[in-house]
Amino acid sequence: MTDKKIDFLAIGDITTDAFIALQDATVNCDVDNENCTLCMSFGDKIPYKKVTVVRAVGNSPNASVSAARLGLNSAALTYVGDDQNGKECIESLEADGVITDFVQIEKGSLTNYHYVLLFDAERTILVKHTEFKYSIPEMPEPKWIYLSSLSDNSLPYHIEIAEYLKAHPDVKLAFQPGTFQIKMGHEKLKDLYEQSELFFCNKQEAQRILHTDEDDINKLLEGIHNLGPKIAIITDGPGGAYTFDGEEIWYTPMYPDAAPPVDRTGAGDSFASTFTVALAQGKSIPEALSWGPVNSMSVVQYIGAQKGLLSKDALEGYLKDAPDSYKVKKIN
């Protein structure tokens, strides 16, 4: 076990993503340009451009790599099978400087492997989560826990994490719920919401969490904050991102794209993890809010969620060269 102090411990599922770049497909949407479907010929042979395999990804592993590149002692608490895929995921994390002492290898299980259908910079992901036997191993107390996507059998694990946080009140929690965690509902995860220092979601996720069709971002921020998190952060795609700490609402636009996006996978992970790292390094909320979109801009220039993640020096370089229009504003 590592004797290093852990600044950032990312908890969540890990996977390999196989990106299949499509060429013969269409996207059909309703009149509001929502509820879109990806369409391909049924029962046919469909050509594709290429396949790109990316190891050791997933919301939390992406965050662990982001934190390591930004200078924190970053570790991953995740689960793999005793297969070649799992071995290569661990090797990929280690190559990025992530501490892997707490990666749990479960005999007889298969490491997660997802297929990503990539079309015009947007992606549709085919997922299948192995139901691992989750538990918290013996480990040194981290300064931050970053919790994100886990499989739908993980409710007892969430309760265990909440109990760990109660027993270790100095540990701060950043919670970026994944699909199954949102489906569980905030009622079942009440303790985690209430113990969250930071809570990240996008606008549509906020509406699902709050069971509302409310469109006012200020009211959504207030609704999420009222569930317990000290700081609620909601992203709104090209519309920017917002934070609310119970007193002040801050807004940032997205950092201008250096070139047209190649793949938007991981944009949310890079924003949330970078914001968390900024606070962990002593930055203010407005400073953290200015950091997040820079890494998101860089990530979408590449296939996969990790290749574009920046070092601290590179991120600060982009901030130094930011256009005048890129400013964080207090809006209340």
C-alpha atoms as a PDB file:
ATOM      1  CA  MET A   1       0.000   0.000   0.000  1.00  0.00           C
ATOM      2  CA  THR A   2       1.229   3.477  -0.814  1.00  0.00           C
ATOM      3  CA  ASP A   3       2.694   5.603   1.970  1.00  0.00           C
ATOM      4  CA  LYS A   4       1.905   8.792   0.052  1.00  0.00           C
ATOM      5  CA  LYS A   5      -0.740  11.192   1.261  1.00  0.00           C
ATOM      6  CA  ILE A   6      -3.750  10.929  -1.019  1.00  0.00           C
ATOM      7  CA  ASP A   7      -5.038  14.305  -2.175  1.00  0.00           C
ATOM      8  CA  PHE A   8      -7.728  12.945  -4.478  1.00  0.00           C
ATOM      9  CA  LEU A   9      -9.358   9.496  -4.409  1.00  0.00           C
ATOM     10  CA  ALA A  10     -11.679   8.779  -7.343  1.00  0.00           C
ATOM     11  CA  ILE A  11     -14.297   6.092  -6.661  1.00  0.00           C
ATOM     12  CA  GLY A  12     -16.271   4.621  -9.542  1.00  0.00           C
ATOM     13  CA  ASP A  13     -16.383   2.052 -12.312  1.00  0.00           C
ATOM     14  CA  ILE A  14     -13.654   1.700 -14.903  1.00  0.00           C
ATOM     15  CA  THR A  15     -14.021   0.500 -18.464  1.00  0.00           C
ATOM     16  CA  THR A  16     -12.412   0.265 -21.862  1.00  0.00           C
ATOM     17  CA  ASP A  17     -14.155   2.294 -24.555  1.00  0.00           C
ATOM     18  CA  ALA A  18     -14.036   1.082 -28.152  1.00  0.00           C
ATOM     19  CA  PHE A  19     -14.925   4.086 -30.314  1.00  0.00           C
ATOM     20  CA  ILE A  20     -16.545   3.084 -33.596  1.00  0.00           C
ATOM     21  CA  ALA A  21     -16.552   6.068 -35.949  1.00  0.00           C
ATOM     22  CA  LEU A  22     -19.665   5.766 -38.120  1.00  0.00           C
ATOM     23  CA  GLN A  23     -20.110   7.122 -41.619  1.00  0.00           C
ATOM     24  CA  ASP A  24     -23.465   5.751 -42.850  1.00  0.00           C
ATOM     25  CA  ALA A  25     -25.966   6.992 -40.260  1.00  0.00           C
ATOM     26  CA  THR A  26     -28.529   9.746 -39.729  1.00  0.00           C
ATOM     27  CA  VAL A  27     -29.837  11.614 -36.684  1.00  0.00           C
ATOM     28  CA  ASN A  28     -33.559  12.304 -36.419  1.00  0.00           C
ATOM     29  CA  CYS A  29     -34.917  14.782 -33.848  1.00  0.00           C
ATOM     30  CA  ASP A  30     -38.314  16.212 -32.932  1.00  0.00           C
ATOM     31  CA  VAL A  31     -39.335  19.775 -33.787  1.00  0.00           C
ATOM     32  CA  ASP A  32     -37.533  21.138 -30.711  1.00  0.00           C
ATOM     33  CA  ASN A  33     -34.314  19.420 -31.786  1.00  0.00           C
ATOM     34  CA  GLU A  34     -34.610  17.104 -28.797  1.00  0.00           C
ATOM     35  CA  ASN A  35     -35.362  13.391 -28.305  1.00  0.00           C
ATOM     36  CA  CYS A  36     -32.920  12.540 -31.080  1.00  0.00           C
ATOM     37  CA  THR A  37     -32.337   9.028 -32.386  1.00  0.00           C
ATOM     38  CA  LEU A  38     -29.322   7.607 -34.200  1.00  0.00           C
ATOM     39  CA  CYS A  39     -30.513   5.659 -37.244  1.00  0.00           C
ATOM     40  CA  MET A  40     -28.765   2.992 -39.316  1.00  0.00           C
ATOM     41  CA  SER A  41     -29.955   0.358 -41.759  1.00  0.00           C
ATOM     42  CA  PHE A  42     -31.390  -2.682 -40.007  1.00  0.00           C
ATOM     43  CA  GLY A  43     -30.206  -6.153 -40.981  1.00  0.00           C
ATOM     44  CA  ASP A  44     -27.470  -4.762 -43.214  1.00  0.00           C
ATOM     45  CA  LYS A  45     -23.688  -4.565 -43.414  1.00  0.00           C
ATOM     46  CA  ILE A  46     -22.722  -1.039 -42.396  1.00  0.00           C
ATOM     47  CA  PRO A  47     -19.244   0.321 -43.123  1.00  0.00           C
ATOM     48  CA  TYR A  48     -17.439   2.366 -40.473  1.00  0.00           C
ATOM     49  CA  LYS A  49     -14.420   4.690 -40.623  1.00  0.00           C
ATOM     50  CA  LYS A  50     -12.219   3.285 -37.852  1.00  0.00           C
ATOM     51  CA  VAL A  51     -12.107   1.899 -34.318  1.00  0.00           C
ATOM     52  CA  THR A  52     -10.121   3.541 -31.514  1.00  0.00           C
ATOM     53  CA  VAL A  53      -9.702   1.607 -28.246  1.00  0.00           C
ATOM     54  CA  VAL A  54      -9.190   3.721 -25.110  1.00  0.00           C
ATOM     55  CA  ARG A  55      -8.288   2.042 -21.819  1.00  0.00           C
ATOM     56  CA  ALA A  56      -9.036   2.948 -18.191  1.00  0.00           C
ATOM     57  CA  VAL A  57     -11.891   5.375 -18.748  1.00  0.00           C
ATOM     58  CA  GLY A  58     -15.153   6.076 -16.956  1.00  0.00           C
ATOM     59  CA  ASN A  59     -16.194   9.161 -15.010  1.00  0.00           C
ATOM     60  CA  SER A  60     -14.037   8.506 -11.960  1.00  0.00           C
ATOM     61  CA  PRO A  61     -10.935   7.086 -13.703  1.00  0.00           C
ATOM     62  CA  ASN A  62     -11.052  10.114 -16.019  1.00  0.00           C
ATOM     63  CA  ALA A  63     -11.130  12.339 -12.948  1.00  0.00           C
ATOM     64  CA  SER A  64      -8.186  10.505 -11.380  1.00  0.00           C
ATOM     65  CA  VAL A  65      -6.077  11.101 -14.498  1.00  0.00           C
ATOM     66  CA  SER A  66      -7.170  14.742 -14.632  1.00  0.00           C
ATOM     67  CA  ALA A  67      -6.125  15.275 -11.004  1.00  0.00           C
ATOM     68  CA  ALA A  68      -2.772  13.550 -11.530  1.00  0.00           C
ATOM     69  CA  ARG A  69      -1.928  15.689 -14.554  1.00  0.00           C
ATOM     70  CA  LEU A  70      -2.868  18.822 -12.608  1.00  0.00           C
ATOM     71  CA  GLY A  71      -0.415  17.948  -9.867  1.00  0.00           C
ATOM     72  CA  LEU A  72      -2.298  16.146  -7.093  1.00  0.00           C
ATOM     73  CA  ASN A  73      -1.421  12.791  -5.522  1.00  0.00           C
ATOM     74  CA  SER A  74      -4.320  11.039  -7.213  1.00  0.00           C
ATOM     75  CA  ALA A  75      -5.556   7.493  -6.630  1.00  0.00           C
ATOM     76  CA  ALA A  76      -8.328   5.329  -8.066  1.00  0.00           C
ATOM     77  CA  LEU A  77     -10.602   3.014  -6.095  1.00  0.00           C
ATOM     78  CA  THR A  78     -12.194   0.894  -8.779  1.00  0.00           C
ATOM     79  CA  TYR A  79     -12.879  -2.725  -9.730  1.00  0.00           C
ATOM     80  CA  VAL A  80     -11.583  -4.897 -12.546  1.00  0.00           C
ATOM     81  CA  GLY A  81     -11.747  -8.563 -13.435  1.00  0.00           C
ATOM     82  CA  ASP A  82      -8.753 -10.888 -13.536  1.00  0.00           C
ATOM     83  CA  ASP A  83      -8.514 -10.568 -17.310  1.00  0.00           C
ATOM     84  CA  GLN A  84      -6.213  -8.905 -19.846  1.00  0.00           C
ATOM     85  CA  ASN A  85      -8.541  -5.948 -20.170  1.00  0.00           C
ATOM     86  CA  GLY A  86      -8.310  -5.295 -16.434  1.00  0.00           C
ATOM     87  CA  LYS A  87      -4.523  -5.596 -16.495  1.00  0.00           C
ATOM     88  CA  GLU A  88      -4.291  -3.050 -19.316  1.00  0.00           C
ATOM     89  CA  CYS A  89      -6.628  -0.641 -17.506  1.00  0.00           C
ATOM     90  CA  ILE A  90      -4.359  -0.720 -14.441  1.00  0.00           C
ATOM     91  CA  GLU A  91      -1.264  -0.209 -16.608  1.00  0.00           C
ATOM     92  CA  SER A  92      -2.906   2.778 -18.294  1.00  0.00           C
ATOM     93  CA  LEU A  93      -3.676   4.448 -14.951  1.00  0.00           C
ATOM     94  CA  GLU A  94      -0.128   3.857 -13.751  1.00  0.00           C
ATOM     95  CA  ALA A  95       1.296   5.364 -16.928  1.00  0.00           C
ATOM     96  CA  ASP A  96      -0.575   8.567 -16.061  1.00  0.00           C
ATOM     97  CA  GLY A  97       0.795   8.661 -12.531  1.00  0.00           C
ATOM     98  CA  VAL A  98      -2.397   7.479 -10.814  1.00  0.00           C
ATOM     99  CA  ILE A  99      -1.890   5.429  -7.655  1.00  0.00           C
ATOM    100  CA  THR A 100      -3.457   1.997  -8.238  1.00  0.00           C
ATOM    101  CA  ASP A 101      -2.935   0.390  -4.825  1.00  0.00           C
ATOM    102  CA  PHE A 102      -6.687   0.450  -4.216  1.00  0.00           C
ATOM    103  CA  VAL A 103      -7.788  -1.033  -7.540  1.00  0.00           C
ATOM    104  CA  GLN A 104      -9.599  -4.247  -6.596  1.00  0.00           C
ATOM    105  CA  ILE A 105      -9.151  -7.321  -8.823  1.00  0.00           C
ATOM    106  CA  GLU A 106     -12.128  -9.668  -8.629  1.00  0.00           C
ATOM    107  CA  LYS A 107     -11.435 -13.226  -9.689  1.00  0.00           C
ATOM    108  CA  GLY A 108     -13.805 -14.721 -12.225  1.00  0.00           C
ATOM    109  CA  SER A 109     -15.283 -11.358 -13.266  1.00  0.00           C
ATOM    110  CA  LEU A 110     -14.957  -9.483 -16.538  1.00  0.00           C
ATOM    111  CA  THR A 111     -13.676  -5.931 -16.664  1.00  0.00           C
ATOM    112  CA  ASN A 112     -16.211  -3.510 -18.134  1.00  0.00           C
ATOM    113  CA  TYR A 113     -15.977  -2.970 -21.899  1.00  0.00           C
ATOM    114  CA  HIS A 114     -18.194  -0.423 -23.661  1.00  0.00           C
ATOM    115  CA  TYR A 115     -18.825   0.410 -27.305  1.00  0.00           C
ATOM    116  CA  VAL A 116     -19.071   4.055 -28.339  1.00  0.00           C
ATOM    117  CA  LEU A 117     -20.846   4.897 -31.589  1.00  0.00           C
ATOM    118  CA  LEU A 118     -19.235   8.157 -32.709  1.00  0.00           C
ATOM    119  CA  PHE A 119     -21.043  10.313 -35.239  1.00  0.00           C
ATOM    120  CA  ASP A 120     -20.456  14.025 -35.925  1.00  0.00           C
ATOM    121  CA  ALA A 121     -18.632  14.600 -32.584  1.00  0.00           C
ATOM    122  CA  GLU A 122     -21.545  13.183 -30.577  1.00  0.00           C
ATOM    123  CA  ARG A 123     -21.565   9.711 -29.122  1.00  0.00           C
ATOM    124  CA  THR A 124     -23.994   6.972 -28.202  1.00  0.00           C
ATOM    125  CA  ILE A 125     -22.542   4.517 -25.682  1.00  0.00           C
ATOM    126  CA  LEU A 126     -23.521   0.856 -25.392  1.00  0.00           C
ATOM    127  CA  VAL A 127     -22.877  -0.028 -21.746  1.00  0.00           C
ATOM    128  CA  LYS A 128     -22.859  -3.177 -19.640  1.00  0.00           C
ATOM    129  CA  HIS A 129     -21.681  -2.919 -16.052  1.00  0.00           C
ATOM    130  CA  THR A 130     -20.272  -5.963 -14.280  1.00  0.00           C
ATOM    131  CA  GLU A 131     -21.818  -6.249 -10.828  1.00  0.00           C
ATOM    132  CA  PHE A 132     -18.727  -6.273  -8.633  1.00  0.00           C
ATOM    133  CA  LYS A 133     -18.659  -6.967  -4.889  1.00  0.00           C
ATOM    134  CA  TYR A 134     -18.001  -3.393  -3.843  1.00  0.00           C
ATOM    135  CA  SER A 135     -16.444  -2.482  -0.475  1.00  0.00           C
ATOM    136  CA  ILE A 136     -14.002   0.085   0.871  1.00  0.00           C
ATOM    137  CA  PRO A 137     -10.542  -1.419   1.434  1.00  0.00           C
ATOM    138  CA  GLU A 138      -8.092  -0.398   4.133  1.00  0.00           C
ATOM    139  CA  MET A 139      -6.518   2.850   2.987  1.00  0.00           C
ATOM    140  CA  PRO A 140      -5.068   6.128   4.244  1.00  0.00           C
ATOM    141  CA  GLU A 141      -7.507   8.998   4.673  1.00  0.00           C
ATOM    142  CA  PRO A 142      -7.720  11.067   1.471  1.00  0.00           C
ATOM    143  CA  LYS A 143      -8.270  14.830   1.461  1.00  0.00           C
ATOM    144  CA  TRP A 144     -10.968  14.549  -1.224  1.00  0.00           C
ATOM    145  CA  ILE A 145     -13.170  11.726  -2.462  1.00  0.00           C
ATOM    146  CA  TYR A 146     -14.535  12.120  -5.974  1.00  0.00           C
ATOM    147  CA  LEU A 147     -17.526   9.809  -6.427  1.00  0.00           C
ATOM    148  CA  SER A 148     -19.160   9.054  -9.746  1.00  0.00           C
ATOM    149  CA  SER A 149     -20.668   6.317 -11.899  1.00  0.00           C
ATOM    150  CA  LEU A 150     -21.209   2.846 -10.406  1.00  0.00           C
ATOM    151  CA  SER A 151     -23.436  -0.033 -11.489  1.00  0.00           C
ATOM    152  CA  ASP A 152     -27.049  -0.453 -10.421  1.00  0.00           C
ATOM    153  CA  ASN A 153     -26.215  -3.028  -7.703  1.00  0.00           C
ATOM    154  CA  SER A 154     -24.144  -0.496  -5.761  1.00  0.00           C
ATOM    155  CA  LEU A 155     -26.658   1.016  -3.308  1.00  0.00           C
ATOM    156  CA  PRO A 156     -25.083  -0.764  -0.280  1.00  0.00           C
ATOM    157  CA  TYR A 157     -21.694   0.580  -1.393  1.00  0.00           C
ATOM    158  CA  HIS A 158     -23.060   4.123  -1.412  1.00  0.00           C
ATOM    159  CA  ILE A 159     -24.319   3.606   2.137  1.00  0.00           C
ATOM    160  CA  GLU A 160     -20.854   2.340   3.123  1.00  0.00           C
ATOM    161  CA  ILE A 161     -19.218   5.409   1.547  1.00  0.00           C
ATOM    162  CA  ALA A 162     -21.618   7.684   3.432  1.00  0.00           C
ATOM    163  CA  GLU A 163     -20.724   5.946   6.695  1.00  0.00           C
ATOM    164  CA  TYR A 164     -17.018   6.314   5.891  1.00  0.00           C
ATOM    165  CA  LEU A 165     -17.490  10.053   5.380  1.00  0.00           C
ATOM    166  CA  LYS A 166     -19.305  10.369   8.703  1.00  0.00           C
ATOM    167  CA  ALA A 167     -16.393   8.603  10.407  1.00  0.00           C
ATOM    168  CA  HIS A 168     -13.850  10.812   8.597  1.00  0.00           C
ATOM    169  CA  PRO A 169     -15.325  14.337   8.750  1.00  0.00           C
ATOM    170  CA  ASP A 170     -12.160  15.968   7.364  1.00  0.00           C
ATOM    171  CA  VAL A 171     -12.610  14.198   4.019  1.00  0.00           C
ATOM    172  CA  LYS A 172     -14.426  16.348   1.456  1.00  0.00           C
ATOM    173  CA  LEU A 173     -16.756  14.789  -1.105  1.00  0.00           C
ATOM    174  CA  ALA A 174     -17.217  15.802  -4.723  1.00  0.00           C
ATOM    175  CA  PHE A 175     -20.213  13.928  -6.161  1.00  0.00           C
ATOM    176  CA  GLN A 176     -20.820  13.704  -9.909  1.00  0.00           C
ATOM    177  CA  PRO A 177     -23.664  11.167 -10.178  1.00  0.00           C
ATOM    178  CA  GLY A 178     -23.763   8.795 -13.107  1.00  0.00           C
ATOM    179  CA  THR A 179     -26.796   7.290 -14.823  1.00  0.00           C
ATOM    180  CA  PHE A 180     -27.616   4.630 -12.225  1.00  0.00           C
ATOM    181  CA  GLN A 181     -26.990   6.994  -9.309  1.00  0.00           C
ATOM    182  CA  ILE A 182     -29.487   9.466 -10.743  1.00  0.00           C
ATOM    183  CA  LYS A 183     -31.994   6.645 -11.279  1.00  0.00           C
ATOM    184  CA  MET A 184     -31.601   5.617  -7.614  1.00  0.00           C
ATOM    185  CA  GLY A 185     -33.055   8.994  -6.670  1.00  0.00           C
ATOM    186  CA  HIS A 186     -31.832  11.529  -4.163  1.00  0.00           C
ATOM    187  CA  GLU A 187     -34.027  10.014  -1.459  1.00  0.00           C
ATOM    188  CA  LYS A 188     -31.969   6.791  -1.347  1.00  0.00           C
ATOM    189  CA  LEU A 189     -28.708   8.731  -1.518  1.00  0.00           C
ATOM    190  CA  LYS A 190     -29.802  11.392   0.965  1.00  0.00           C
ATOM    191  CA  ASP A 191     -26.717  11.065   3.173  1.00  0.00           C
ATOM    192  CA  LEU A 192     -24.331  11.482   0.251  1.00  0.00           C
ATOM    193  CA  TYR A 193     -26.129  14.560  -1.041  1.00  0.00           C
ATOM    194  CA  GLU A 194     -25.979  16.080   2.426  1.00  0.00           C
ATOM    195  CA  GLN A 195     -22.272  15.294   2.833  1.00  0.00           C
ATOM    196  CA  SER A 196     -21.250  16.649  -0.575  1.00  0.00           C
ATOM    197  CA  GLU A 197     -18.944  19.637  -0.611  1.00  0.00           C
ATOM    198  CA  LEU A 198     -19.416  19.776  -4.394  1.00  0.00           C
ATOM    199  CA  PHE A 199     -22.217  18.371  -6.541  1.00  0.00           C
ATOM    200  CA  PHE A 200     -21.979  18.318 -10.341  1.00  0.00           C
ATOM    201  CA  CYS A 201     -24.662  17.654 -12.935  1.00  0.00           C
ATOM    202  CA  ASN A 202     -25.890  19.108 -16.193  1.00  0.00           C
ATOM    203  CA  LYS A 203     -29.179  20.949 -16.616  1.00  0.00           C
ATOM    204  CA  GLN A 204     -31.143  17.926 -17.865  1.00  0.00           C
ATOM    205  CA  GLU A 205     -29.796  15.784 -15.016  1.00  0.00           C
ATOM    206  CA  ALA A 206     -30.804  18.458 -12.497  1.00  0.00           C
ATOM    207  CA  GLN A 207     -34.348  18.350 -13.862  1.00  0.00           C
ATOM    208  CA  ARG A 208     -34.438  14.545 -13.509  1.00  0.00           C
ATOM    209  CA  ILE A 209     -32.999  14.643  -9.987  1.00  0.00           C
ATOM    210  CA  LEU A 210     -35.545  17.252  -8.901  1.00  0.00           C
ATOM    211  CA  HIS A 211     -38.469  15.651 -10.811  1.00  0.00           C
ATOM    212  CA  THR A 212     -39.262  18.922 -12.550  1.00  0.00           C
ATOM    213  CA  ASP A 213     -39.462  20.503 -15.977  1.00  0.00           C
ATOM    214  CA  GLU A 214     -38.286  23.815 -14.494  1.00  0.00           C
ATOM    215  CA  ASP A 215     -36.086  25.645 -16.997  1.00  0.00           C
ATOM    216  CA  ASP A 216     -34.786  28.475 -14.797  1.00  0.00           C
ATOM    217  CA  ILE A 217     -31.159  27.621 -13.979  1.00  0.00           C
ATOM    218  CA  ASN A 218     -31.248  29.683 -10.780  1.00  0.00           C
ATOM    219  CA  LYS A 219     -34.164  27.667  -9.441  1.00  0.00           C
ATOM    220  CA  LEU A 220     -32.454  24.415 -10.414  1.00  0.00           C
ATOM    221  CA  LEU A 221     -29.304  25.502  -8.571  1.00  0.00           C
ATOM    222  CA  GLU A 222     -31.383  26.320  -5.502  1.00  0.00           C
ATOM    223  CA  GLY A 223     -33.188  22.985  -5.738  1.00  0.00           C
ATOM    224  CA  ILE A 224     -29.956  20.974  -5.882  1.00  0.00           C
ATOM    225  CA  HIS A 225     -28.418  23.046  -3.074  1.00  0.00           C
ATOM    226  CA  ASN A 226     -31.476  22.398  -0.914  1.00  0.00           C
ATOM    227  CA  LEU A 227     -30.795  18.656  -1.160  1.00  0.00           C
ATOM    228  CA  GLY A 228     -27.654  19.198   0.914  1.00  0.00           C
ATOM    229  CA  PRO A 229     -24.552  19.946  -1.172  1.00  0.00           C
ATOM    230  CA  LYS A 230     -22.599  22.991   0.002  1.00  0.00           C
ATOM    231  CA  ILE A 231     -21.840  24.023  -3.571  1.00  0.00           C
ATOM    232  CA  ALA A 232     -24.101  23.070  -6.488  1.00  0.00           C
ATOM    233  CA  ILE A 233     -22.578  23.210  -9.976  1.00  0.00           C
ATOM    234  CA  ILE A 234     -24.759  22.863 -13.080  1.00  0.00           C
ATOM    235  CA  THR A 235     -23.422  22.819 -16.625  1.00  0.00           C
ATOM    236  CA  ASP A 236     -25.553  23.811 -19.607  1.00  0.00           C
ATOM    237  CA  GLY A 237     -23.541  22.637 -22.610  1.00  0.00           C
ATOM    238  CA  PRO A 238     -22.662  25.546 -24.912  1.00  0.00           C
ATOM    239  CA  GLY A 239     -24.609  27.779 -22.512  1.00  0.00           C
ATOM    240  CA  GLY A 240     -21.847  27.665 -19.920  1.00  0.00           C
ATOM    241  CA  ALA A 241     -21.768  26.618 -16.260  1.00  0.00           C
ATOM    242  CA  TYR A 242     -23.151  27.943 -12.971  1.00  0.00           C
ATOM    243  CA  THR A 243     -22.381  27.548  -9.264  1.00  0.00           C
ATOM    244  CA  PHE A 244     -24.380  28.310  -6.125  1.00  0.00           C
ATOM    245  CA  ASP A 245     -23.044  28.118  -2.578  1.00  0.00           C
ATOM    246  CA  GLY A 246     -26.235  29.260  -0.843  1.00  0.00           C
ATOM    247  CA  GLU A 247     -25.325  32.925  -1.158  1.00  0.00           C
ATOM    248  CA  GLU A 248     -23.795  33.707  -4.549  1.00  0.00           C
ATOM    249  CA  ILE A 249     -24.411  32.461  -8.080  1.00  0.00           C
ATOM    250  CA  TRP A 250     -21.445  32.543 -10.449  1.00  0.00           C
ATOM    251  CA  TYR A 251     -21.462  31.957 -14.200  1.00  0.00           C
ATOM    252  CA  THR A 252     -18.811  31.156 -16.776  1.00  0.00           C
ATOM    253  CA  PRO A 253     -19.147  30.801 -20.547  1.00  0.00           C
ATOM    254  CA  MET A 254     -17.457  27.857 -22.192  1.00  0.00           C
ATOM    255  CA  TYR A 255     -13.854  28.387 -23.225  1.00  0.00           C
ATOM    256  CA  PRO A 256     -13.769  28.933 -27.025  1.00  0.00           C
ATOM    257  CA  ASP A 257     -12.964  25.769 -28.986  1.00  0.00           C
ATOM    258  CA  ALA A 258      -9.501  25.750 -30.505  1.00  0.00           C
ATOM    259  CA  ALA A 259     -11.009  23.814 -33.439  1.00  0.00           C
ATOM    260  CA  PRO A 260     -14.328  22.061 -34.139  1.00  0.00           C
ATOM    261  CA  PRO A 261     -14.853  19.317 -31.507  1.00  0.00           C
ATOM    262  CA  VAL A 262     -13.871  15.782 -32.485  1.00  0.00           C
ATOM    263  CA  ASP A 263     -15.574  13.903 -29.638  1.00  0.00           C
ATOM    264  CA  ARG A 264     -17.472  15.301 -26.651  1.00  0.00           C
ATOM    265  CA  THR A 265     -16.911  12.226 -24.469  1.00  0.00           C
ATOM    266  CA  GLY A 266     -15.477  13.240 -21.103  1.00  0.00           C
ATOM    267  CA  ALA A 267     -16.209  16.969 -21.347  1.00  0.00           C
ATOM    268  CA  GLY A 268     -18.302  16.867 -18.179  1.00  0.00           C
ATOM    269  CA  ASP A 269     -15.761  14.719 -16.316  1.00  0.00           C
ATOM    270  CA  SER A 270     -12.918  17.067 -17.190  1.00  0.00           C
ATOM    271  CA  PHE A 271     -14.909  20.118 -16.080  1.00  0.00           C
ATOM    272  CA  ALA A 272     -15.976  18.605 -12.752  1.00  0.00           C
ATOM    273  CA  SER A 273     -12.610  17.089 -11.870  1.00  0.00           C
ATOM    274  CA  THR A 274     -10.718  20.264 -12.802  1.00  0.00           C
ATOM    275  CA  PHE A 275     -13.073  22.403 -10.694  1.00  0.00           C
ATOM    276  CA  THR A 276     -12.506  20.029  -7.769  1.00  0.00           C
ATOM    277  CA  VAL A 277      -8.726  20.083  -8.194  1.00  0.00           C
ATOM    278  CA  ALA A 278      -8.740  23.882  -8.255  1.00  0.00           C
ATOM    279  CA  LEU A 279     -10.529  24.028  -4.888  1.00  0.00           C
ATOM    280  CA  ALA A 280      -8.224  21.320  -3.522  1.00  0.00           C
ATOM    281  CA  GLN A 281      -5.297  23.539  -4.487  1.00  0.00           C
ATOM    282  CA  GLY A 282      -6.754  26.509  -2.622  1.00  0.00           C
ATOM    283  CA  LYS A 283      -8.471  28.353  -5.462  1.00  0.00           C
ATOM    284  CA  SER A 284     -11.709  30.306  -5.006  1.00  0.00           C
ATOM    285  CA  ILE A 285     -15.035  29.310  -6.571  1.00  0.00           C
ATOM    286  CA  PRO A 286     -14.679  31.864  -9.419  1.00  0.00           C
ATOM    287  CA  GLU A 287     -11.120  30.662 -10.100  1.00  0.00           C
ATOM    288  CA  ALA A 288     -12.233  27.028 -10.117  1.00  0.00           C
ATOM    289  CA  LEU A 289     -15.090  27.936 -12.433  1.00  0.00           C
ATOM    290  CA  SER A 290     -12.611  29.482 -14.862  1.00  0.00           C
ATOM    291  CA  TRP A 291     -10.408  26.354 -14.821  1.00  0.00           C
ATOM    292  CA  GLY A 292     -13.057  23.767 -15.660  1.00  0.00           C
ATOM    293  CA  PRO A 293     -14.043  24.826 -19.189  1.00  0.00           C
ATOM    294  CA  VAL A 294     -10.411  25.018 -20.309  1.00  0.00           C
ATOM    295  CA  ASN A 295      -9.883  21.295 -19.782  1.00  0.00           C
ATOM    296  CA  SER A 296     -13.258  20.542 -21.370  1.00  0.00           C
ATOM    297  CA  MET A 297     -12.255  22.507 -24.460  1.00  0.00           C
ATOM    298  CA  SER A 298      -9.018  20.532 -24.732  1.00  0.00           C
ATOM    299  CA  VAL A 299     -10.602  17.108 -24.162  1.00  0.00           C
ATOM    300  CA  VAL A 300     -13.134  17.435 -26.986  1.00  0.00           C
ATOM    301  CA  GLN A 301     -10.313  17.936 -29.496  1.00  0.00           C
ATOM    302  CA  TYR A 302      -9.450  14.212 -29.249  1.00  0.00           C
ATOM    303  CA  ILE A 303     -11.172  10.846 -29.324  1.00  0.00           C
ATOM    304  CA  GLY A 304     -11.612   9.576 -25.785  1.00  0.00           C
ATOM    305  CA  ALA A 305     -11.921  11.282 -22.439  1.00  0.00           C
ATOM    306  CA  GLN A 306      -8.270  11.475 -21.364  1.00  0.00           C
ATOM    307  CA  LYS A 307      -5.905  12.275 -24.220  1.00  0.00           C
ATOM    308  CA  GLY A 308      -6.657  16.005 -24.110  1.00  0.00           C
ATOM    309  CA  LEU A 309      -6.428  16.406 -20.325  1.00  0.00           C
ATOM    310  CA  LEU A 310      -4.002  19.217 -19.560  1.00  0.00           C
ATOM    311  CA  SER A 311      -1.092  19.746 -17.210  1.00  0.00           C
ATOM    312  CA  LYS A 312      -1.389  22.653 -14.803  1.00  0.00           C
ATOM    313  CA  ASP A 313       1.132  24.692 -16.800  1.00  0.00           C
ATOM    314  CA  ALA A 314      -0.775  24.129 -20.039  1.00  0.00           C
ATOM    315  CA  LEU A 315      -4.094  25.026 -18.413  1.00  0.00           C
ATOM    316  CA  GLU A 316      -2.657  28.220 -16.954  1.00  0.00           C
ATOM    317  CA  GLY A 317      -1.284  29.045 -20.391  1.00  0.00           C
ATOM    318  CA  TYR A 318      -4.755  28.883 -21.894  1.00  0.00           C
ATOM    319  CA  LEU A 319      -6.087  31.097 -19.099  1.00  0.00           C
ATOM    320  CA  LYS A 320      -3.356  33.639 -19.748  1.00  0.00           C
ATOM    321  CA  ASP A 321      -4.263  33.698 -23.442  1.00  0.00           C
ATOM    322  CA  ALA A 322      -8.038  33.673 -22.894  1.00  0.00           C
ATOM    323  CA  PRO A 323     -10.063  36.148 -24.958  1.00  0.00           C
ATOM    324  CA  ASP A 324     -11.619  39.127 -23.199  1.00  0.00           C
ATOM    325  CA  SER A 325     -15.047  37.508 -23.557  1.00  0.00           C
ATOM    326  CA  TYR A 326     -14.006  34.635 -21.287  1.00  0.00           C
ATOM    327  CA  LYS A 327     -14.918  36.035 -17.880  1.00  0.00           C
ATOM    328  CA  VAL A 328     -16.509  34.561 -14.778  1.00  0.00           C
ATOM    329  CA  LYS A 329     -19.389  36.729 -13.558  1.00  0.00           C
ATOM    330  CA  LYS A 330     -21.425  36.925 -10.377  1.00  0.00           C
ATOM    331  CA  ILE A 331     -25.075  37.052 -11.412  1.00  0.00           C
ATOM    332  CA  ASN A 332     -26.830  37.689  -8.113  1.00  0.00           C
END
